Amino acid sequence: MNHQSRLGIVLWVFVLSACATFAQKQLQQDIVQTGGGDLKIACISHGTLMFTFGGKVIHVDPVSSAADYAILPKADLILITHEHGDHLDAKAIQAVSTAQTVVAVNPGSAKAQPQATVLRNGETRTMAGFKVEAVPAYNLEKSFHPKGNGNGYVITFGDKRVYVAGDTENIPEMKGLKDIEVAFLPMNLPFTMTPEMVADAARAFRPKILYPYHFGGTDTNALVNLLKGEKGIEVRIRDMR
């Protein structure tokens, strides 16, 4: 290999490294302190999230249109809430997976991801070292998300419990949750909840930090105003259209 070829390879590696570093810097991450260290939360887009904790990475509903998964950290665990195309994307799952990645899906996603572990509503498992609880996610009257199929997930990070609701309304199973540090609740009609429904749910199970997500064009200020003065609940707005 001549000098020019070696130089070309070095420059190419540098460019790839710089692109990856830039992507990480551009990805906003919130930090939540736990008894087991810092939990980093990346609100990527719509229903797509990434958690980093204890040297491990969890991707929730990775979708190719939300991020360039070729340059994001590989997953130790991938959680899929349901099979709709804005939540289940085989290309994104493949891009962020390694031979050791564990994938967990709801029953309706099993056909598209036959190698994945199916979690049914109410099941709890330890996956990639994390305690994961599958919580029902469904519409009360509409038919977009039938009862018994979709999952929300409660993931334990150290001594903190994080709830990712998936596509759902303010159902009794949600209102019955306990000891939730961080909650992601969807807020867009006609598929999930209104700001009033999100506020109703938050007042019932009282997460310490509440992120509305999957909200499309819904006015997030409406939720902020509804929960203004509600002690013990911090509403955080991130770009999760």
C-alpha atoms as a PDB file:
ATOM      1  CA  MET A   1       0.000   0.000   0.000  1.00  0.00           C
ATOM      2  CA  ASN A   2       1.517   3.357  -1.007  1.00  0.00           C
ATOM      3  CA  HIS A   3       1.633   6.499   1.091  1.00  0.00           C
ATOM      4  CA  GLN A   4      -1.306   8.127  -0.688  1.00  0.00           C
ATOM      5  CA  SER A   5      -3.511   5.073  -0.109  1.00  0.00           C
ATOM      6  CA  ARG A   6      -2.626   5.004   3.579  1.00  0.00           C
ATOM      7  CA  LEU A   7      -3.346   8.718   3.850  1.00  0.00           C
ATOM      8  CA  GLY A   8      -6.695   8.239   2.122  1.00  0.00           C
ATOM      9  CA  ILE A   9      -7.713   5.520   4.569  1.00  0.00           C
ATOM     10  CA  VAL A  10      -6.659   7.620   7.564  1.00  0.00           C
ATOM     11  CA  LEU A  11      -8.651  10.592   6.281  1.00  0.00           C
ATOM     12  CA  TRP A  12     -11.709   8.418   5.640  1.00  0.00           C
ATOM     13  CA  VAL A  13     -11.589   6.974   9.152  1.00  0.00           C
ATOM     14  CA  PHE A  14     -11.237  10.496  10.531  1.00  0.00           C
ATOM     15  CA  VAL A  15     -14.269  11.685   8.555  1.00  0.00           C
ATOM     16  CA  LEU A  16     -16.410   8.769   9.788  1.00  0.00           C
ATOM     17  CA  SER A  17     -15.315   9.383  13.368  1.00  0.00           C
ATOM     18  CA  ALA A  18     -16.026  13.094  13.078  1.00  0.00           C
ATOM     19  CA  CYS A  19     -19.493  12.440  11.643  1.00  0.00           C
ATOM     20  CA  ALA A  20     -20.321  10.062  14.487  1.00  0.00           C
ATOM     21  CA  THR A  21     -19.050  12.543  17.081  1.00  0.00           C
ATOM     22  CA  PHE A  22     -21.070  15.347  15.499  1.00  0.00           C
ATOM     23  CA  ALA A  23     -24.213  13.193  15.489  1.00  0.00           C
ATOM     24  CA  GLN A  24     -23.781  12.435  19.188  1.00  0.00           C
ATOM     25  CA  LYS A  25     -23.262  16.106  20.027  1.00  0.00           C
ATOM     26  CA  GLN A  26     -26.389  17.037  18.086  1.00  0.00           C
ATOM     27  CA  LEU A  27     -28.470  14.423  19.906  1.00  0.00           C
ATOM     28  CA  GLN A  28     -29.910  16.137  22.961  1.00  0.00           C
ATOM     29  CA  GLN A  29     -29.736  13.996  26.073  1.00  0.00           C
ATOM     30  CA  ASP A  30     -31.321  14.611  29.449  1.00  0.00           C
ATOM     31  CA  ILE A  31     -29.751  13.099  32.546  1.00  0.00           C
ATOM     32  CA  VAL A  32     -31.701  11.554  35.410  1.00  0.00           C
ATOM     33  CA  GLN A  33     -29.747  10.532  38.481  1.00  0.00           C
ATOM     34  CA  THR A  34     -30.394   7.063  39.874  1.00  0.00           C
ATOM     35  CA  GLY A  35     -28.937   4.988  42.684  1.00  0.00           C
ATOM     36  CA  GLY A  36     -27.001   3.053  40.043  1.00  0.00           C
ATOM     37  CA  GLY A  37     -25.568   6.005  38.139  1.00  0.00           C
ATOM     38  CA  ASP A  38     -26.776   8.486  35.537  1.00  0.00           C
ATOM     39  CA  LEU A  39     -29.548   7.565  33.115  1.00  0.00           C
ATOM     40  CA  LYS A  40     -29.187   9.400  29.806  1.00  0.00           C
ATOM     41  CA  ILE A  41     -32.394   9.949  27.854  1.00  0.00           C
ATOM     42  CA  ALA A  42     -32.372  10.878  24.165  1.00  0.00           C
ATOM     43  CA  CYS A  43     -35.719  12.063  22.823  1.00  0.00           C
ATOM     44  CA  ILE A  44     -35.083  11.296  19.168  1.00  0.00           C
ATOM     45  CA  SER A  45     -38.407  11.861  17.393  1.00  0.00           C
ATOM     46  CA  HIS A  46     -42.109  10.973  17.551  1.00  0.00           C
ATOM     47  CA  GLY A  47     -42.209   7.672  19.489  1.00  0.00           C
ATOM     48  CA  THR A  48     -38.491   6.950  19.170  1.00  0.00           C
ATOM     49  CA  LEU A  49     -36.256   7.040  22.260  1.00  0.00           C
ATOM     50  CA  MET A  50     -32.807   5.933  23.398  1.00  0.00           C
ATOM     51  CA  PHE A  51     -31.716   5.225  26.965  1.00  0.00           C
ATOM     52  CA  THR A  52     -28.097   4.824  28.062  1.00  0.00           C
ATOM     53  CA  PHE A  53     -27.345   3.377  31.490  1.00  0.00           C
ATOM     54  CA  GLY A  54     -24.466   1.467  33.030  1.00  0.00           C
ATOM     55  CA  GLY A  55     -22.646   1.190  29.723  1.00  0.00           C
ATOM     56  CA  LYS A  56     -25.690  -0.324  27.987  1.00  0.00           C
ATOM     57  CA  VAL A  57     -28.074   1.108  25.404  1.00  0.00           C
ATOM     58  CA  ILE A  58     -31.819   0.603  24.958  1.00  0.00           C
ATOM     59  CA  HIS A  59     -33.551   1.746  21.773  1.00  0.00           C
ATOM     60  CA  VAL A  60     -37.349   2.090  21.861  1.00  0.00           C
ATOM     61  CA  ASP A  61     -39.261   1.938  18.563  1.00  0.00           C
ATOM     62  CA  PRO A  62     -36.278   2.815  16.327  1.00  0.00           C
ATOM     63  CA  VAL A  63     -37.449   4.163  12.970  1.00  0.00           C
ATOM     64  CA  SER A  64     -35.171   5.013  10.047  1.00  0.00           C
ATOM     65  CA  SER A  65     -36.808   8.369   9.388  1.00  0.00           C
ATOM     66  CA  ALA A  66     -36.085   9.467  12.961  1.00  0.00           C
ATOM     67  CA  ALA A  67     -32.302   9.048  12.980  1.00  0.00           C
ATOM     68  CA  ASP A  68     -29.285   7.668  11.161  1.00  0.00           C
ATOM     69  CA  TYR A  69     -28.874   4.423  13.075  1.00  0.00           C
ATOM     70  CA  ALA A  70     -25.666   3.611  11.250  1.00  0.00           C
ATOM     71  CA  ILE A  71     -23.894   6.146  13.481  1.00  0.00           C
ATOM     72  CA  LEU A  72     -25.875   5.803  16.707  1.00  0.00           C
ATOM     73  CA  PRO A  73     -24.780   3.424  19.480  1.00  0.00           C
ATOM     74  CA  LYS A  74     -25.698  -0.211  18.944  1.00  0.00           C
ATOM     75  CA  ALA A  75     -28.440  -1.631  21.123  1.00  0.00           C
ATOM     76  CA  ASP A  76     -28.140  -4.075  23.964  1.00  0.00           C
ATOM     77  CA  LEU A  77     -31.937  -4.108  24.084  1.00  0.00           C
ATOM     78  CA  ILE A  78     -34.604  -2.994  21.605  1.00  0.00           C
ATOM     79  CA  LEU A  79     -38.213  -2.553  22.736  1.00  0.00           C
ATOM     80  CA  ILE A  80     -41.029  -2.424  20.167  1.00  0.00           C
ATOM     81  CA  THR A  81     -44.408  -1.234  21.430  1.00  0.00           C
ATOM     82  CA  HIS A  82     -46.520  -2.314  18.447  1.00  0.00           C
ATOM     83  CA  GLU A  83     -46.460  -3.115  14.756  1.00  0.00           C
ATOM     84  CA  HIS A  84     -47.495   0.187  13.150  1.00  0.00           C
ATOM     85  CA  GLY A  85     -44.914   1.503  10.699  1.00  0.00           C
ATOM     86  CA  ASP A  86     -44.002   4.543  12.793  1.00  0.00           C
ATOM     87  CA  HIS A  87     -42.953   2.181  15.608  1.00  0.00           C
ATOM     88  CA  LEU A  88     -41.779  -1.028  13.938  1.00  0.00           C
ATOM     89  CA  ASP A  89     -39.091  -0.631  11.271  1.00  0.00           C
ATOM     90  CA  ALA A  90     -37.103  -3.763  10.411  1.00  0.00           C
ATOM     91  CA  LYS A  91     -34.391  -1.739   8.664  1.00  0.00           C
ATOM     92  CA  ALA A  92     -33.745   0.399  11.740  1.00  0.00           C
ATOM     93  CA  ILE A  93     -33.770  -2.646  14.018  1.00  0.00           C
ATOM     94  CA  GLN A  94     -31.181  -4.340  11.832  1.00  0.00           C
ATOM     95  CA  ALA A  95     -29.020  -1.210  11.648  1.00  0.00           C
ATOM     96  CA  VAL A  96     -28.800  -0.839  15.405  1.00  0.00           C
ATOM     97  CA  SER A  97     -28.455  -4.547  16.255  1.00  0.00           C
ATOM     98  CA  THR A  98     -25.486  -6.796  16.925  1.00  0.00           C
ATOM     99  CA  ALA A  99     -25.379 -10.564  17.396  1.00  0.00           C
ATOM    100  CA  GLN A 100     -25.918  -9.968  21.125  1.00  0.00           C
ATOM    101  CA  THR A 101     -28.836  -7.533  20.872  1.00  0.00           C
ATOM    102  CA  VAL A 102     -32.047  -8.636  22.591  1.00  0.00           C
ATOM    103  CA  VAL A 103     -35.285  -7.585  20.863  1.00  0.00           C
ATOM    104  CA  ALA A 104     -38.623  -7.576  22.681  1.00  0.00           C
ATOM    105  CA  VAL A 105     -41.920  -7.080  20.862  1.00  0.00           C
ATOM    106  CA  ASN A 106     -45.659  -7.126  21.439  1.00  0.00           C
ATOM    107  CA  PRO A 107     -47.661 -10.088  20.046  1.00  0.00           C
ATOM    108  CA  GLY A 108     -48.684  -8.218  16.888  1.00  0.00           C
ATOM    109  CA  SER A 109     -45.041  -7.624  15.929  1.00  0.00           C
ATOM    110  CA  ALA A 110     -44.002 -11.269  16.267  1.00  0.00           C
ATOM    111  CA  LYS A 111     -44.594 -12.160  12.610  1.00  0.00           C
ATOM    112  CA  ALA A 112     -42.380  -9.301  11.416  1.00  0.00           C
ATOM    113  CA  GLN A 113     -39.703 -10.093  14.019  1.00  0.00           C
ATOM    114  CA  PRO A 114     -39.779 -13.911  14.391  1.00  0.00           C
ATOM    115  CA  GLN A 115     -36.465 -14.023  16.309  1.00  0.00           C
ATOM    116  CA  ALA A 116     -37.659 -11.539  18.926  1.00  0.00           C
ATOM    117  CA  THR A 117     -38.936 -12.308  22.406  1.00  0.00           C
ATOM    118  CA  VAL A 118     -42.671 -11.698  22.683  1.00  0.00           C
ATOM    119  CA  LEU A 119     -43.853  -9.914  25.814  1.00  0.00           C
ATOM    120  CA  ARG A 120     -47.558  -9.986  26.533  1.00  0.00           C
ATOM    121  CA  ASN A 121     -49.490  -7.498  28.621  1.00  0.00           C
ATOM    122  CA  GLY A 122     -48.643  -8.019  32.279  1.00  0.00           C
ATOM    123  CA  GLU A 123     -45.450 -10.032  31.726  1.00  0.00           C
ATOM    124  CA  THR A 124     -42.184  -9.084  33.429  1.00  0.00           C
ATOM    125  CA  ARG A 125     -38.753 -10.292  32.347  1.00  0.00           C
ATOM    126  CA  THR A 126     -35.110  -9.456  32.869  1.00  0.00           C
ATOM    127  CA  MET A 127     -33.666  -8.642  29.459  1.00  0.00           C
ATOM    128  CA  ALA A 128     -30.070  -7.589  28.749  1.00  0.00           C
ATOM    129  CA  GLY A 129     -29.768  -7.011  32.490  1.00  0.00           C
ATOM    130  CA  PHE A 130     -32.836  -4.754  32.744  1.00  0.00           C
ATOM    131  CA  LYS A 131     -36.144  -5.486  34.452  1.00  0.00           C
ATOM    132  CA  VAL A 132     -38.838  -4.872  31.821  1.00  0.00           C
ATOM    133  CA  GLU A 133     -42.580  -4.896  32.531  1.00  0.00           C
ATOM    134  CA  ALA A 134     -45.077  -4.985  29.662  1.00  0.00           C
ATOM    135  CA  VAL A 135     -48.025  -2.683  30.379  1.00  0.00           C
ATOM    136  CA  PRO A 136     -51.226  -2.758  28.289  1.00  0.00           C
ATOM    137  CA  ALA A 137     -51.541  -0.037  25.645  1.00  0.00           C
ATOM    138  CA  TYR A 138     -54.868   0.427  23.893  1.00  0.00           C
ATOM    139  CA  ASN A 139     -57.727   2.750  22.924  1.00  0.00           C
ATOM    140  CA  LEU A 140     -60.773   2.818  25.154  1.00  0.00           C
ATOM    141  CA  GLU A 141     -63.337   3.440  22.402  1.00  0.00           C
ATOM    142  CA  LYS A 142     -61.481   3.860  19.103  1.00  0.00           C
ATOM    143  CA  SER A 143     -60.134   0.866  17.169  1.00  0.00           C
ATOM    144  CA  PHE A 144     -56.641   2.055  16.218  1.00  0.00           C
ATOM    145  CA  HIS A 145     -55.010   0.111  19.044  1.00  0.00           C
ATOM    146  CA  PRO A 146     -57.101  -2.837  20.288  1.00  0.00           C
ATOM    147  CA  LYS A 147     -56.847  -4.096  23.833  1.00  0.00           C
ATOM    148  CA  GLY A 148     -54.510  -7.041  24.404  1.00  0.00           C
ATOM    149  CA  ASN A 149     -51.989  -6.326  21.654  1.00  0.00           C
ATOM    150  CA  GLY A 150     -49.845  -3.234  22.150  1.00  0.00           C
ATOM    151  CA  ASN A 151     -47.328  -2.771  24.934  1.00  0.00           C
ATOM    152  CA  GLY A 152     -46.111   0.071  27.022  1.00  0.00           C
ATOM    153  CA  TYR A 153     -42.986  -0.708  29.015  1.00  0.00           C
ATOM    154  CA  VAL A 154     -41.767   0.040  32.514  1.00  0.00           C
ATOM    155  CA  ILE A 155     -37.969  -0.275  32.610  1.00  0.00           C
ATOM    156  CA  THR A 156     -36.020  -0.204  35.864  1.00  0.00           C
ATOM    157  CA  PHE A 157     -32.747   1.727  35.891  1.00  0.00           C
ATOM    158  CA  GLY A 158     -31.040   1.371  39.255  1.00  0.00           C
ATOM    159  CA  ASP A 159     -33.699   2.519  41.716  1.00  0.00           C
ATOM    160  CA  LYS A 160     -35.780   4.442  39.162  1.00  0.00           C
ATOM    161  CA  ARG A 161     -38.716   3.221  37.047  1.00  0.00           C
ATOM    162  CA  VAL A 162     -39.297   4.700  33.589  1.00  0.00           C
ATOM    163  CA  TYR A 163     -42.621   4.243  31.792  1.00  0.00           C
ATOM    164  CA  VAL A 164     -42.880   4.422  27.992  1.00  0.00           C
ATOM    165  CA  ALA A 165     -46.581   4.219  27.263  1.00  0.00           C
ATOM    166  CA  GLY A 166     -46.666   3.364  23.548  1.00  0.00           C
ATOM    167  CA  ASP A 167     -49.851   4.242  21.667  1.00  0.00           C
ATOM    168  CA  THR A 168     -52.609   4.285  24.246  1.00  0.00           C
ATOM    169  CA  GLU A 169     -55.198   6.352  26.062  1.00  0.00           C
ATOM    170  CA  ASN A 170     -55.511   7.060  29.794  1.00  0.00           C
ATOM    171  CA  ILE A 171     -56.452   3.473  30.606  1.00  0.00           C
ATOM    172  CA  PRO A 172     -56.973   2.041  34.116  1.00  0.00           C
ATOM    173  CA  GLU A 173     -53.720   0.031  33.917  1.00  0.00           C
ATOM    174  CA  MET A 174     -51.797   3.265  33.358  1.00  0.00           C
ATOM    175  CA  LYS A 175     -53.539   5.064  36.193  1.00  0.00           C
ATOM    176  CA  GLY A 176     -52.685   2.181  38.515  1.00  0.00           C
ATOM    177  CA  LEU A 177     -48.923   2.447  38.045  1.00  0.00           C
ATOM    178  CA  LYS A 178     -46.782   3.170  41.108  1.00  0.00           C
ATOM    179  CA  ASP A 179     -43.406   4.771  41.771  1.00  0.00           C
ATOM    180  CA  ILE A 180     -42.757   6.081  38.249  1.00  0.00           C
ATOM    181  CA  GLU A 181     -39.843   8.498  38.036  1.00  0.00           C
ATOM    182  CA  VAL A 182     -40.143   9.329  34.324  1.00  0.00           C
ATOM    183  CA  ALA A 183     -43.124   8.846  32.009  1.00  0.00           C
ATOM    184  CA  PHE A 184     -43.514   9.250  28.256  1.00  0.00           C
ATOM    185  CA  LEU A 185     -47.197   9.716  27.363  1.00  0.00           C
ATOM    186  CA  PRO A 186     -48.506  10.021  23.778  1.00  0.00           C
ATOM    187  CA  MET A 187     -50.640  13.036  22.933  1.00  0.00           C
ATOM    188  CA  ASN A 188     -52.200  13.167  19.475  1.00  0.00           C
ATOM    189  CA  LEU A 189     -55.725  12.695  18.200  1.00  0.00           C
ATOM    190  CA  PRO A 190     -57.375  10.629  16.956  1.00  0.00           C
ATOM    191  CA  PHE A 191     -54.813   7.926  17.746  1.00  0.00           C
ATOM    192  CA  THR A 192     -53.903   8.473  21.399  1.00  0.00           C
ATOM    193  CA  MET A 193     -54.682  11.171  23.993  1.00  0.00           C
ATOM    194  CA  THR A 194     -55.690  14.801  24.276  1.00  0.00           C
ATOM    195  CA  PRO A 195     -53.737  17.080  26.636  1.00  0.00           C
ATOM    196  CA  GLU A 196     -56.649  16.742  29.049  1.00  0.00           C
ATOM    197  CA  MET A 197     -56.358  12.942  29.015  1.00  0.00           C
ATOM    198  CA  VAL A 198     -52.595  13.095  29.559  1.00  0.00           C
ATOM    199  CA  ALA A 199     -53.092  15.472  32.486  1.00  0.00           C
ATOM    200  CA  ASP A 200     -55.768  13.188  33.934  1.00  0.00           C
ATOM    201  CA  ALA A 201     -53.432  10.192  33.763  1.00  0.00           C
ATOM    202  CA  ALA A 202     -50.501  12.131  35.216  1.00  0.00           C
ATOM    203  CA  ARG A 203     -52.554  13.256  38.189  1.00  0.00           C
ATOM    204  CA  ALA A 204     -53.508   9.630  38.830  1.00  0.00           C
ATOM    205  CA  PHE A 205     -50.078   7.937  38.842  1.00  0.00           C
ATOM    206  CA  ARG A 206     -47.955  11.061  39.394  1.00  0.00           C
ATOM    207  CA  PRO A 207     -44.664  10.605  37.535  1.00  0.00           C
ATOM    208  CA  LYS A 208     -41.968  12.934  38.820  1.00  0.00           C
ATOM    209  CA  ILE A 209     -40.959  13.839  35.253  1.00  0.00           C
ATOM    210  CA  LEU A 210     -43.473  13.808  32.395  1.00  0.00           C
ATOM    211  CA  TYR A 211     -42.551  13.951  28.735  1.00  0.00           C
ATOM    212  CA  PRO A 212     -45.404  14.240  26.249  1.00  0.00           C
ATOM    213  CA  TYR A 213     -44.290  12.453  23.101  1.00  0.00           C
ATOM    214  CA  HIS A 214     -45.745  11.278  19.788  1.00  0.00           C
ATOM    215  CA  PHE A 215     -47.637  14.575  19.763  1.00  0.00           C
ATOM    216  CA  GLY A 216     -47.595  15.667  16.108  1.00  0.00           C
ATOM    217  CA  GLY A 217     -49.176  19.094  15.837  1.00  0.00           C
ATOM    218  CA  THR A 218     -50.786  19.056  19.282  1.00  0.00           C
ATOM    219  CA  ASP A 219     -50.138  22.208  21.309  1.00  0.00           C
ATOM    220  CA  THR A 220     -47.867  21.070  24.139  1.00  0.00           C
ATOM    221  CA  ASN A 221     -48.488  24.352  25.979  1.00  0.00           C
ATOM    222  CA  ALA A 222     -51.990  23.104  26.675  1.00  0.00           C
ATOM    223  CA  LEU A 223     -50.547  20.287  28.801  1.00  0.00           C
ATOM    224  CA  VAL A 224     -48.120  22.643  30.525  1.00  0.00           C
ATOM    225  CA  ASN A 225     -51.021  24.900  31.486  1.00  0.00           C
ATOM    226  CA  LEU A 226     -53.187  22.016  32.665  1.00  0.00           C
ATOM    227  CA  LEU A 227     -50.479  20.815  35.035  1.00  0.00           C
ATOM    228  CA  LYS A 228     -49.237  24.233  36.092  1.00  0.00           C
ATOM    229  CA  GLY A 229     -48.963  24.304  39.864  1.00  0.00           C
ATOM    230  CA  GLU A 230     -49.277  20.521  40.121  1.00  0.00           C
ATOM    231  CA  LYS A 231     -46.633  19.847  42.755  1.00  0.00           C
ATOM    232  CA  GLY A 232     -44.300  16.941  42.195  1.00  0.00           C
ATOM    233  CA  ILE A 233     -44.792  16.657  38.409  1.00  0.00           C
ATOM    234  CA  GLU A 234     -42.240  18.320  36.133  1.00  0.00           C
ATOM    235  CA  VAL A 235     -43.397  18.592  32.510  1.00  0.00           C
ATOM    236  CA  ARG A 236     -40.539  18.513  30.007  1.00  0.00           C
ATOM    237  CA  ILE A 237     -41.186  19.458  26.404  1.00  0.00           C
ATOM    238  CA  ARG A 238     -38.844  18.109  23.755  1.00  0.00           C
ATOM    239  CA  ASP A 239     -39.214  17.982  19.966  1.00  0.00           C
ATOM    240  CA  MET A 240     -41.156  14.702  19.666  1.00  0.00           C
ATOM    241  CA  ARG A 241     -43.529  15.443  16.783  1.00  0.00           C
END
